[in-house]
Amino acid sequence: MNKHKSLVPYLSALIAATIFGFSFLFTKSALDSLGTFQMLGMRFLTAAVFVSLLRVFRLIKIRFSTAIFKDLVMVALFQPVLYFIFETIGVRLTSASESGIIISLVTVSITVIAFFMLKESLTLIQWASISLSVAGVVVITLAKGNASGSGHMTGILALLGAVVAAGFYNSLSRRASTLYTPVEITFVMMWTGAIIFSLLGLLESAASGGMGGYIRALSDPVVLKDILYLGILSSVGAFFLLNYSLSRMEASRLAVFMNLTPVIAVASGICIRGEKFYPLQFVGAALVLAGIWGTDHRSKKSRISVENP
């Protein structure tokens, strides 16, 4: 019995990594029918309402006050606002598999930003690993050659923007975590995203000819499935699984499971959406993953952001 119980944190981490890995696939699917901000508005409104219901039924505890929004405004600006604007644009202009690989560079971004902002030291091996990751991104970007669309480079740059935003978010959230619990931070993030993205989604609908297309898309069972997956499973469920796992295992072990996310993203993109992944892109992906492993493995203190939706 105890042996089975000891496996639960590892199973939770594996499920969380799987949910995150498939999230790129569901994002890509939702974007087939919805505009960028329409999708984000529905995703975060769903997540915010779900978290609020958990609070109403006393399944989670949140110290609600106006001060919490004031204190966490900068955290919410980087995550979810900037991060998801960049990520969603990037996913739209690239493939789900490419997106998963590029976004996995968040670990590298966190390390570099901590070096400059928090004065944390980096070893020579870490710098070499960071360079390896950058080389991998360059290979992935150039691998398609003429087969890539005109917006492909813009998509890659947008994904890198998301990676940088996530790095700043991590540094800011580490300070916020001394004042508020991960659940409270997530609550603010979900409602900030719901309000801002819903307003932008309404403007996007108006600019594209009204709410008719928006409403028709939301009546599509496939779109609803995508939104529920992203809003409840990816933004809320995976967070709780990560939080549970981190409370019962070392961050370094959890990092190993999180490195499965880009692998799952690539596999799901190729097998389910039929995306092409060129041989040279596999080389680039291997360089990125090797660089991530080297950066995180040599870190004196592994940093896993459980507040990341």
C-alpha atoms as a PDB file:
ATOM      1  CA  MET A   1       0.000   0.000   0.000  1.00  0.00           C
ATOM      2  CA  ASN A   2       2.769   2.411   0.968  1.00  0.00           C
ATOM      3  CA  LYS A   3       4.646   1.480  -2.196  1.00  0.00           C
ATOM      4  CA  HIS A   4       1.644   2.387  -4.336  1.00  0.00           C
ATOM      5  CA  LYS A   5       1.140   5.606  -2.368  1.00  0.00           C
ATOM      6  CA  SER A   6       4.757   6.614  -2.995  1.00  0.00           C
ATOM      7  CA  LEU A   7       4.144   6.343  -6.741  1.00  0.00           C
ATOM      8  CA  VAL A   8       1.260   8.850  -6.707  1.00  0.00           C
ATOM      9  CA  PRO A   9       3.472  12.004  -6.866  1.00  0.00           C
ATOM     10  CA  TYR A  10       5.326  10.571  -9.868  1.00  0.00           C
ATOM     11  CA  LEU A  11       2.065   9.643 -11.579  1.00  0.00           C
ATOM     12  CA  SER A  12       0.724  13.155 -10.898  1.00  0.00           C
ATOM     13  CA  ALA A  13       3.835  14.727 -12.438  1.00  0.00           C
ATOM     14  CA  LEU A  14       3.568  12.451 -15.477  1.00  0.00           C
ATOM     15  CA  ILE A  15      -0.105  13.362 -16.003  1.00  0.00           C
ATOM     16  CA  ALA A  16       0.687  17.091 -15.640  1.00  0.00           C
ATOM     17  CA  ALA A  17       3.485  16.866 -18.220  1.00  0.00           C
ATOM     18  CA  THR A  18       1.139  14.991 -20.562  1.00  0.00           C
ATOM     19  CA  ILE A  19      -1.599  17.631 -20.161  1.00  0.00           C
ATOM     20  CA  PHE A  20       0.866  20.426 -20.921  1.00  0.00           C
ATOM     21  CA  GLY A  21       2.260  18.493 -23.885  1.00  0.00           C
ATOM     22  CA  PHE A  22      -1.178  18.070 -25.478  1.00  0.00           C
ATOM     23  CA  SER A  23      -2.155  21.699 -24.726  1.00  0.00           C
ATOM     24  CA  PHE A  24      -0.342  22.889 -27.877  1.00  0.00           C
ATOM     25  CA  LEU A  25      -2.454  20.491 -29.946  1.00  0.00           C
ATOM     26  CA  PHE A  26      -5.713  21.756 -28.400  1.00  0.00           C
ATOM     27  CA  THR A  27      -4.599  25.383 -28.788  1.00  0.00           C
ATOM     28  CA  LYS A  28      -3.876  24.787 -32.472  1.00  0.00           C
ATOM     29  CA  SER A  29      -7.269  23.111 -32.880  1.00  0.00           C
ATOM     30  CA  ALA A  30      -9.154  25.966 -31.153  1.00  0.00           C
ATOM     31  CA  LEU A  31      -7.364  28.525 -33.324  1.00  0.00           C
ATOM     32  CA  ASP A  32      -8.741  26.798 -36.422  1.00  0.00           C
ATOM     33  CA  SER A  33     -12.157  28.250 -35.482  1.00  0.00           C
ATOM     34  CA  LEU A  34     -11.484  31.158 -33.107  1.00  0.00           C
ATOM     35  CA  GLY A  35      -9.442  34.334 -33.215  1.00  0.00           C
ATOM     36  CA  THR A  36      -6.420  34.641 -30.929  1.00  0.00           C
ATOM     37  CA  PHE A  37      -8.114  36.754 -28.253  1.00  0.00           C
ATOM     38  CA  GLN A  38     -11.469  35.019 -28.616  1.00  0.00           C
ATOM     39  CA  MET A  39      -9.781  31.742 -27.736  1.00  0.00           C
ATOM     40  CA  LEU A  40      -7.773  33.243 -24.870  1.00  0.00           C
ATOM     41  CA  GLY A  41     -10.836  35.019 -23.468  1.00  0.00           C
ATOM     42  CA  MET A  42     -12.869  31.809 -23.393  1.00  0.00           C
ATOM     43  CA  ARG A  43      -9.962  29.794 -22.018  1.00  0.00           C
ATOM     44  CA  PHE A  44      -9.279  32.076 -19.086  1.00  0.00           C
ATOM     45  CA  LEU A  45     -12.924  32.835 -18.356  1.00  0.00           C
ATOM     46  CA  THR A  46     -13.508  29.090 -18.090  1.00  0.00           C
ATOM     47  CA  ALA A  47     -10.481  28.710 -15.808  1.00  0.00           C
ATOM     48  CA  ALA A  48     -11.448  31.709 -13.639  1.00  0.00           C
ATOM     49  CA  VAL A  49     -15.021  30.496 -13.157  1.00  0.00           C
ATOM     50  CA  PHE A  50     -13.792  26.980 -12.351  1.00  0.00           C
ATOM     51  CA  VAL A  51     -11.304  28.236  -9.729  1.00  0.00           C
ATOM     52  CA  SER A  52     -14.002  30.481  -8.240  1.00  0.00           C
ATOM     53  CA  LEU A  53     -16.364  27.501  -7.936  1.00  0.00           C
ATOM     54  CA  LEU A  54     -13.653  25.570  -6.113  1.00  0.00           C
ATOM     55  CA  ARG A  55     -13.426  28.499  -3.687  1.00  0.00           C
ATOM     56  CA  VAL A  56     -17.221  28.718  -3.263  1.00  0.00           C
ATOM     57  CA  PHE A  57     -17.382  25.020  -2.369  1.00  0.00           C
ATOM     58  CA  ARG A  58     -14.403  25.496   0.004  1.00  0.00           C
ATOM     59  CA  LEU A  59     -12.202  23.070  -1.891  1.00  0.00           C
ATOM     60  CA  ILE A  60      -9.468  25.716  -1.973  1.00  0.00           C
ATOM     61  CA  LYS A  61      -8.711  28.611   0.356  1.00  0.00           C
ATOM     62  CA  ILE A  62      -8.113  32.120  -0.995  1.00  0.00           C
ATOM     63  CA  ARG A  63      -7.684  35.299   1.080  1.00  0.00           C
ATOM     64  CA  PHE A  64      -9.646  37.592  -1.178  1.00  0.00           C
ATOM     65  CA  SER A  65      -8.888  41.330  -1.001  1.00  0.00           C
ATOM     66  CA  THR A  66      -8.193  44.281  -3.292  1.00  0.00           C
ATOM     67  CA  ALA A  67      -4.583  44.271  -2.054  1.00  0.00           C
ATOM     68  CA  ILE A  68      -3.896  40.903  -3.667  1.00  0.00           C
ATOM     69  CA  PHE A  69      -4.665  42.294  -7.143  1.00  0.00           C
ATOM     70  CA  LYS A  70      -2.517  45.373  -6.486  1.00  0.00           C
ATOM     71  CA  ASP A  71       0.440  43.316  -5.282  1.00  0.00           C
ATOM     72  CA  LEU A  72       0.266  40.829  -8.145  1.00  0.00           C
ATOM     73  CA  VAL A  73      -0.418  43.199 -11.057  1.00  0.00           C
ATOM     74  CA  MET A  74       3.125  42.900 -12.456  1.00  0.00           C
ATOM     75  CA  VAL A  75       3.117  39.126 -12.077  1.00  0.00           C
ATOM     76  CA  ALA A  76      -0.174  38.914 -13.989  1.00  0.00           C
ATOM     77  CA  LEU A  77       1.144  41.280 -16.673  1.00  0.00           C
ATOM     78  CA  PHE A  78       3.906  38.838 -17.602  1.00  0.00           C
ATOM     79  CA  GLN A  79       1.810  35.724 -16.945  1.00  0.00           C
ATOM     80  CA  PRO A  80      -0.785  35.257 -18.327  1.00  0.00           C
ATOM     81  CA  VAL A  81      -1.118  38.464 -20.397  1.00  0.00           C
ATOM     82  CA  LEU A  82       2.201  38.818 -22.259  1.00  0.00           C
ATOM     83  CA  TYR A  83       3.091  35.136 -22.134  1.00  0.00           C
ATOM     84  CA  PHE A  84      -0.142  33.907 -23.686  1.00  0.00           C
ATOM     85  CA  ILE A  85      -0.362  36.672 -26.273  1.00  0.00           C
ATOM     86  CA  PHE A  86       3.084  35.691 -27.544  1.00  0.00           C
ATOM     87  CA  GLU A  87       2.529  31.943 -27.179  1.00  0.00           C
ATOM     88  CA  THR A  88      -0.836  31.900 -28.953  1.00  0.00           C
ATOM     89  CA  ILE A  89       0.423  34.000 -31.862  1.00  0.00           C
ATOM     90  CA  GLY A  90       3.428  31.684 -32.070  1.00  0.00           C
ATOM     91  CA  VAL A  91       1.286  28.536 -32.055  1.00  0.00           C
ATOM     92  CA  ARG A  92      -0.932  30.004 -34.793  1.00  0.00           C
ATOM     93  CA  LEU A  93       2.046  30.745 -37.071  1.00  0.00           C
ATOM     94  CA  THR A  94       4.058  27.576 -36.412  1.00  0.00           C
ATOM     95  CA  SER A  95       3.209  23.937 -35.724  1.00  0.00           C
ATOM     96  CA  ALA A  96       2.188  22.398 -32.396  1.00  0.00           C
ATOM     97  CA  SER A  97       5.404  20.351 -32.381  1.00  0.00           C
ATOM     98  CA  GLU A  98       7.645  23.373 -33.010  1.00  0.00           C
ATOM     99  CA  SER A  99       5.786  25.364 -30.357  1.00  0.00           C
ATOM    100  CA  GLY A 100       6.324  22.668 -27.739  1.00  0.00           C
ATOM    101  CA  ILE A 101      10.064  22.594 -28.399  1.00  0.00           C
ATOM    102  CA  ILE A 102      10.545  26.388 -28.343  1.00  0.00           C
ATOM    103  CA  ILE A 103       8.412  26.893 -25.216  1.00  0.00           C
ATOM    104  CA  SER A 104      10.503  24.278 -23.399  1.00  0.00           C
ATOM    105  CA  LEU A 105      13.278  26.911 -23.403  1.00  0.00           C
ATOM    106  CA  VAL A 106      11.523  28.517 -20.416  1.00  0.00           C
ATOM    107  CA  THR A 107      13.968  26.671 -18.131  1.00  0.00           C
ATOM    108  CA  VAL A 108      16.878  28.363 -19.910  1.00  0.00           C
ATOM    109  CA  SER A 109      15.142  31.760 -19.787  1.00  0.00           C
ATOM    110  CA  ILE A 110      14.555  31.432 -16.046  1.00  0.00           C
ATOM    111  CA  THR A 111      18.231  30.646 -15.475  1.00  0.00           C
ATOM    112  CA  VAL A 112      19.518  33.564 -17.577  1.00  0.00           C
ATOM    113  CA  ILE A 113      17.112  36.118 -16.077  1.00  0.00           C
ATOM    114  CA  ALA A 114      17.919  34.921 -12.555  1.00  0.00           C
ATOM    115  CA  PHE A 115      21.596  35.497 -13.393  1.00  0.00           C
ATOM    116  CA  PHE A 116      20.963  39.146 -14.310  1.00  0.00           C
ATOM    117  CA  MET A 117      18.119  40.034 -11.913  1.00  0.00           C
ATOM    118  CA  LEU A 118      18.869  37.898  -8.871  1.00  0.00           C
ATOM    119  CA  LYS A 119      22.664  37.684  -9.332  1.00  0.00           C
ATOM    120  CA  GLU A 120      22.599  33.883  -9.259  1.00  0.00           C
ATOM    121  CA  SER A 121      25.818  32.271 -10.451  1.00  0.00           C
ATOM    122  CA  LEU A 122      26.115  30.140 -13.584  1.00  0.00           C
ATOM    123  CA  THR A 123      28.722  27.490 -14.284  1.00  0.00           C
ATOM    124  CA  LEU A 124      30.667  27.164 -17.523  1.00  0.00           C
ATOM    125  CA  ILE A 125      28.666  24.039 -18.351  1.00  0.00           C
ATOM    126  CA  GLN A 126      25.422  25.975 -17.910  1.00  0.00           C
ATOM    127  CA  TRP A 127      26.597  28.699 -20.300  1.00  0.00           C
ATOM    128  CA  ALA A 128      27.600  26.017 -22.809  1.00  0.00           C
ATOM    129  CA  SER A 129      24.194  24.343 -22.414  1.00  0.00           C
ATOM    130  CA  ILE A 130      22.415  27.667 -22.974  1.00  0.00           C
ATOM    131  CA  SER A 131      24.432  28.173 -26.167  1.00  0.00           C
ATOM    132  CA  LEU A 132      23.480  24.653 -27.256  1.00  0.00           C
ATOM    133  CA  SER A 133      19.780  25.460 -26.792  1.00  0.00           C
ATOM    134  CA  VAL A 134      20.094  28.656 -28.823  1.00  0.00           C
ATOM    135  CA  ALA A 135      21.825  26.709 -31.601  1.00  0.00           C
ATOM    136  CA  GLY A 136      18.951  24.220 -31.539  1.00  0.00           C
ATOM    137  CA  VAL A 137      16.385  27.001 -32.029  1.00  0.00           C
ATOM    138  CA  VAL A 138      18.370  28.330 -34.993  1.00  0.00           C
ATOM    139  CA  VAL A 139      18.443  24.857 -36.562  1.00  0.00           C
ATOM    140  CA  ILE A 140      14.676  24.390 -36.052  1.00  0.00           C
ATOM    141  CA  THR A 141      13.997  27.816 -37.568  1.00  0.00           C
ATOM    142  CA  LEU A 142      16.125  27.216 -40.660  1.00  0.00           C
ATOM    143  CA  ALA A 143      15.292  23.524 -41.137  1.00  0.00           C
ATOM    144  CA  LYS A 144      12.126  24.070 -43.186  1.00  0.00           C
ATOM    145  CA  GLY A 145      13.864  26.330 -45.676  1.00  0.00           C
ATOM    146  CA  ASN A 146      11.482  27.395 -48.438  1.00  0.00           C
ATOM    147  CA  ALA A 147       8.775  25.074 -47.086  1.00  0.00           C
ATOM    148  CA  SER A 148       8.040  27.452 -44.198  1.00  0.00           C
ATOM    149  CA  GLY A 149       5.314  30.058 -44.576  1.00  0.00           C
ATOM    150  CA  SER A 150       5.910  33.792 -44.607  1.00  0.00           C
ATOM    151  CA  GLY A 151       4.836  34.082 -40.978  1.00  0.00           C
ATOM    152  CA  HIS A 152       7.005  31.238 -39.700  1.00  0.00           C
ATOM    153  CA  MET A 153       9.854  33.459 -38.490  1.00  0.00           C
ATOM    154  CA  THR A 154       7.340  35.789 -36.817  1.00  0.00           C
ATOM    155  CA  GLY A 155       5.869  32.763 -35.056  1.00  0.00           C
ATOM    156  CA  ILE A 156       9.278  31.642 -33.791  1.00  0.00           C
ATOM    157  CA  LEU A 157      10.017  35.162 -32.506  1.00  0.00           C
ATOM    158  CA  ALA A 158       6.611  35.288 -30.798  1.00  0.00           C
ATOM    159  CA  LEU A 159       7.324  31.975 -29.047  1.00  0.00           C
ATOM    160  CA  LEU A 160      10.704  33.312 -27.907  1.00  0.00           C
ATOM    161  CA  GLY A 161       8.855  36.374 -26.584  1.00  0.00           C
ATOM    162  CA  ALA A 162       6.687  34.010 -24.535  1.00  0.00           C
ATOM    163  CA  VAL A 163       9.816  32.291 -23.223  1.00  0.00           C
ATOM    164  CA  VAL A 164      11.272  35.633 -22.061  1.00  0.00           C
ATOM    165  CA  ALA A 165       7.951  36.675 -20.474  1.00  0.00           C
ATOM    166  CA  ALA A 166       7.852  33.373 -18.569  1.00  0.00           C
ATOM    167  CA  GLY A 167      11.385  33.977 -17.301  1.00  0.00           C
ATOM    168  CA  PHE A 168      10.478  37.400 -15.898  1.00  0.00           C
ATOM    169  CA  TYR A 169       7.260  35.982 -14.468  1.00  0.00           C
ATOM    170  CA  ASN A 170       9.192  33.304 -12.600  1.00  0.00           C
ATOM    171  CA  SER A 171      11.502  35.857 -10.956  1.00  0.00           C
ATOM    172  CA  LEU A 172       8.556  38.072  -9.966  1.00  0.00           C
ATOM    173  CA  SER A 173       6.444  35.172  -8.720  1.00  0.00           C
ATOM    174  CA  ARG A 174       9.239  33.943  -6.454  1.00  0.00           C
ATOM    175  CA  ARG A 175       8.924  37.177  -4.478  1.00  0.00           C
ATOM    176  CA  ALA A 176       5.123  37.027  -4.604  1.00  0.00           C
ATOM    177  CA  SER A 177       5.188  33.469  -3.255  1.00  0.00           C
ATOM    178  CA  THR A 178       6.517  34.814   0.067  1.00  0.00           C
ATOM    179  CA  LEU A 179       3.291  36.831   0.472  1.00  0.00           C
ATOM    180  CA  TYR A 180       0.659  34.649  -1.194  1.00  0.00           C
ATOM    181  CA  THR A 181       0.002  30.957  -1.744  1.00  0.00           C
ATOM    182  CA  PRO A 182       0.297  29.402  -5.220  1.00  0.00           C
ATOM    183  CA  VAL A 183      -3.505  29.020  -5.311  1.00  0.00           C
ATOM    184  CA  GLU A 184      -4.003  32.734  -4.572  1.00  0.00           C
ATOM    185  CA  ILE A 185      -1.514  33.723  -7.263  1.00  0.00           C
ATOM    186  CA  THR A 186      -3.257  31.426  -9.739  1.00  0.00           C
ATOM    187  CA  PHE A 187      -6.662  32.912  -8.813  1.00  0.00           C
ATOM    188  CA  VAL A 188      -5.451  36.430  -9.655  1.00  0.00           C
ATOM    189  CA  MET A 189      -3.779  35.250 -12.851  1.00  0.00           C
ATOM    190  CA  MET A 190      -6.909  33.476 -14.090  1.00  0.00           C
ATOM    191  CA  TRP A 191      -9.207  36.457 -13.462  1.00  0.00           C
ATOM    192  CA  THR A 192      -6.718  38.946 -14.903  1.00  0.00           C
ATOM    193  CA  GLY A 193      -6.498  36.844 -18.049  1.00  0.00           C
ATOM    194  CA  ALA A 194     -10.282  36.392 -18.180  1.00  0.00           C
ATOM    195  CA  ILE A 195     -10.994  40.136 -17.989  1.00  0.00           C
ATOM    196  CA  ILE A 196      -8.268  41.373 -20.347  1.00  0.00           C
ATOM    197  CA  PHE A 197      -8.575  38.628 -22.958  1.00  0.00           C
ATOM    198  CA  SER A 198     -12.395  38.717 -22.940  1.00  0.00           C
ATOM    199  CA  LEU A 199     -12.353  42.458 -23.653  1.00  0.00           C
ATOM    200  CA  LEU A 200      -9.794  41.962 -26.430  1.00  0.00           C
ATOM    201  CA  GLY A 201     -11.851  39.050 -27.749  1.00  0.00           C
ATOM    202  CA  LEU A 202     -14.947  41.256 -28.015  1.00  0.00           C
ATOM    203  CA  LEU A 203     -12.935  43.879 -29.901  1.00  0.00           C
ATOM    204  CA  GLU A 204     -11.554  41.170 -32.181  1.00  0.00           C
ATOM    205  CA  SER A 205     -15.088  39.933 -32.872  1.00  0.00           C
ATOM    206  CA  ALA A 206     -16.310  43.443 -33.667  1.00  0.00           C
ATOM    207  CA  ALA A 207     -13.391  44.032 -36.034  1.00  0.00           C
ATOM    208  CA  SER A 208     -14.085  40.777 -37.895  1.00  0.00           C
ATOM    209  CA  GLY A 209     -17.734  41.547 -38.596  1.00  0.00           C
ATOM    210  CA  GLY A 210     -19.633  40.977 -35.372  1.00  0.00           C
ATOM    211  CA  MET A 211     -20.346  38.190 -32.887  1.00  0.00           C
ATOM    212  CA  GLY A 212     -21.995  35.771 -35.330  1.00  0.00           C
ATOM    213  CA  GLY A 213     -18.863  33.790 -36.173  1.00  0.00           C
ATOM    214  CA  TYR A 214     -17.789  33.792 -32.530  1.00  0.00           C
ATOM    215  CA  ILE A 215     -21.134  32.353 -31.371  1.00  0.00           C
ATOM    216  CA  ARG A 216     -21.208  29.751 -34.163  1.00  0.00           C
ATOM    217  CA  ALA A 217     -17.699  28.609 -33.234  1.00  0.00           C
ATOM    218  CA  LEU A 218     -18.675  28.212 -29.578  1.00  0.00           C
ATOM    219  CA  SER A 219     -21.628  26.027 -30.584  1.00  0.00           C
ATOM    220  CA  ASP A 220     -19.147  23.597 -32.158  1.00  0.00           C
ATOM    221  CA  PRO A 221     -18.524  20.592 -29.822  1.00  0.00           C
ATOM    222  CA  VAL A 222     -14.894  20.394 -30.979  1.00  0.00           C
ATOM    223  CA  VAL A 223     -14.230  24.022 -30.014  1.00  0.00           C
ATOM    224  CA  LEU A 224     -15.957  23.548 -26.647  1.00  0.00           C
ATOM    225  CA  LYS A 225     -13.814  20.456 -26.021  1.00  0.00           C
ATOM    226  CA  ASP A 226     -10.677  22.474 -26.802  1.00  0.00           C
ATOM    227  CA  ILE A 227     -11.698  25.338 -24.478  1.00  0.00           C
ATOM    228  CA  LEU A 228     -12.621  23.008 -21.608  1.00  0.00           C
ATOM    229  CA  TYR A 229      -9.324  21.153 -21.966  1.00  0.00           C
ATOM    230  CA  LEU A 230      -7.284  24.364 -21.990  1.00  0.00           C
ATOM    231  CA  GLY A 231      -9.319  26.177 -19.334  1.00  0.00           C
ATOM    232  CA  ILE A 232      -9.874  23.403 -16.806  1.00  0.00           C
ATOM    233  CA  LEU A 233      -7.300  20.670 -17.397  1.00  0.00           C
ATOM    234  CA  SER A 234      -4.314  22.732 -18.586  1.00  0.00           C
ATOM    235  CA  SER A 235      -4.787  25.984 -16.646  1.00  0.00           C
ATOM    236  CA  VAL A 236      -6.146  24.544 -13.384  1.00  0.00           C
ATOM    237  CA  GLY A 237      -5.920  20.755 -13.190  1.00  0.00           C
ATOM    238  CA  ALA A 238      -2.276  20.433 -14.222  1.00  0.00           C
ATOM    239  CA  PHE A 239      -1.381  23.184 -11.729  1.00  0.00           C
ATOM    240  CA  PHE A 240      -2.853  21.231  -8.822  1.00  0.00           C
ATOM    241  CA  LEU A 241      -1.099  18.060  -9.968  1.00  0.00           C
ATOM    242  CA  LEU A 242       2.226  19.914 -10.158  1.00  0.00           C
ATOM    243  CA  ASN A 243       1.684  21.508  -6.765  1.00  0.00           C
ATOM    244  CA  TYR A 244       0.921  18.104  -5.246  1.00  0.00           C
ATOM    245  CA  SER A 245       3.983  16.484  -6.842  1.00  0.00           C
ATOM    246  CA  LEU A 246       6.317  19.291  -5.797  1.00  0.00           C
ATOM    247  CA  SER A 247       5.150  18.979  -2.184  1.00  0.00           C
ATOM    248  CA  ARG A 248       6.219  15.331  -2.172  1.00  0.00           C
ATOM    249  CA  MET A 249       9.332  15.157  -4.352  1.00  0.00           C
ATOM    250  CA  GLU A 250      12.465  17.165  -5.087  1.00  0.00           C
ATOM    251  CA  ALA A 251      12.206  19.905  -7.713  1.00  0.00           C
ATOM    252  CA  SER A 252      15.061  18.276  -9.637  1.00  0.00           C
ATOM    253  CA  ARG A 253      13.042  15.069 -10.058  1.00  0.00           C
ATOM    254  CA  LEU A 254       9.960  17.002 -11.107  1.00  0.00           C
ATOM    255  CA  ALA A 255      12.073  18.794 -13.738  1.00  0.00           C
ATOM    256  CA  VAL A 256      12.753  15.426 -15.394  1.00  0.00           C
ATOM    257  CA  PHE A 257       9.023  14.858 -15.866  1.00  0.00           C
ATOM    258  CA  MET A 258       8.493  18.398 -17.180  1.00  0.00           C
ATOM    259  CA  ASN A 259      11.090  17.731 -19.882  1.00  0.00           C
ATOM    260  CA  LEU A 260       8.638  15.180 -21.290  1.00  0.00           C
ATOM    261  CA  THR A 261       6.282  18.023 -22.277  1.00  0.00           C
ATOM    262  CA  PRO A 262       8.051  18.997 -25.545  1.00  0.00           C
ATOM    263  CA  VAL A 263       8.444  15.323 -26.471  1.00  0.00           C
ATOM    264  CA  ILE A 264       4.686  14.816 -26.091  1.00  0.00           C
ATOM    265  CA  ALA A 265       4.006  18.051 -28.011  1.00  0.00           C
ATOM    266  CA  VAL A 266       6.099  16.861 -30.961  1.00  0.00           C
ATOM    267  CA  ALA A 267       4.582  13.359 -30.951  1.00  0.00           C
ATOM    268  CA  SER A 268       0.997  14.670 -30.770  1.00  0.00           C
ATOM    269  CA  GLY A 269       1.585  17.198 -33.542  1.00  0.00           C
ATOM    270  CA  ILE A 270       3.017  14.574 -35.879  1.00  0.00           C
ATOM    271  CA  CYS A 271       0.689  11.673 -35.042  1.00  0.00           C
ATOM    272  CA  ILE A 272      -2.629  13.500 -34.561  1.00  0.00           C
ATOM    273  CA  ARG A 273      -2.436  16.642 -36.707  1.00  0.00           C
ATOM    274  CA  GLY A 274      -0.173  15.071 -39.307  1.00  0.00           C
ATOM    275  CA  GLU A 275       2.410  17.852 -39.010  1.00  0.00           C
ATOM    276  CA  LYS A 276       5.662  17.512 -40.900  1.00  0.00           C
ATOM    277  CA  PHE A 277       8.780  17.474 -38.757  1.00  0.00           C
ATOM    278  CA  TYR A 278      11.877  17.536 -40.932  1.00  0.00           C
ATOM    279  CA  PRO A 279      14.987  15.461 -40.069  1.00  0.00           C
ATOM    280  CA  LEU A 280      17.021  18.592 -39.379  1.00  0.00           C
ATOM    281  CA  GLN A 281      14.309  19.740 -36.971  1.00  0.00           C
ATOM    282  CA  PHE A 282      14.819  16.546 -34.975  1.00  0.00           C
ATOM    283  CA  VAL A 283      18.496  17.520 -34.723  1.00  0.00           C
ATOM    284  CA  GLY A 284      17.498  20.992 -33.527  1.00  0.00           C
ATOM    285  CA  ALA A 285      15.037  19.526 -31.018  1.00  0.00           C
ATOM    286  CA  ALA A 286      17.758  17.224 -29.662  1.00  0.00           C
ATOM    287  CA  LEU A 287      20.102  20.219 -29.227  1.00  0.00           C
ATOM    288  CA  VAL A 288      17.387  22.171 -27.393  1.00  0.00           C
ATOM    289  CA  LEU A 289      16.535  19.283 -25.052  1.00  0.00           C
ATOM    290  CA  ALA A 290      20.223  18.582 -24.368  1.00  0.00           C
ATOM    291  CA  GLY A 291      20.756  22.263 -23.590  1.00  0.00           C
ATOM    292  CA  ILE A 292      17.744  22.342 -21.268  1.00  0.00           C
ATOM    293  CA  TRP A 293      18.966  19.253 -19.445  1.00  0.00           C
ATOM    294  CA  GLY A 294      22.457  20.695 -19.039  1.00  0.00           C
ATOM    295  CA  THR A 295      21.167  24.060 -17.833  1.00  0.00           C
ATOM    296  CA  ASP A 296      18.758  22.585 -15.306  1.00  0.00           C
ATOM    297  CA  HIS A 297      20.861  19.584 -14.244  1.00  0.00           C
ATOM    298  CA  ARG A 298      23.826  21.780 -13.299  1.00  0.00           C
ATOM    299  CA  SER A 299      21.688  24.301 -11.486  1.00  0.00           C
ATOM    300  CA  LYS A 300      22.492  24.556  -7.796  1.00  0.00           C
ATOM    301  CA  LYS A 301      18.783  24.971  -7.094  1.00  0.00           C
ATOM    302  CA  SER A 302      16.177  23.687  -9.532  1.00  0.00           C
ATOM    303  CA  ARG A 303      13.329  26.117 -10.050  1.00  0.00           C
ATOM    304  CA  ILE A 304       9.905  24.816 -10.958  1.00  0.00           C
ATOM    305  CA  SER A 305       7.138  27.382 -11.241  1.00  0.00           C
ATOM    306  CA  VAL A 306       3.993  25.609 -10.080  1.00  0.00           C
ATOM    307  CA  GLU A 307       1.953  28.734 -10.724  1.00  0.00           C
ATOM    308  CA  ASN A 308       2.418  28.402 -14.453  1.00  0.00           C
ATOM    309  CA  PRO A 309      -0.978  27.702 -15.971  1.00  0.00           C
END
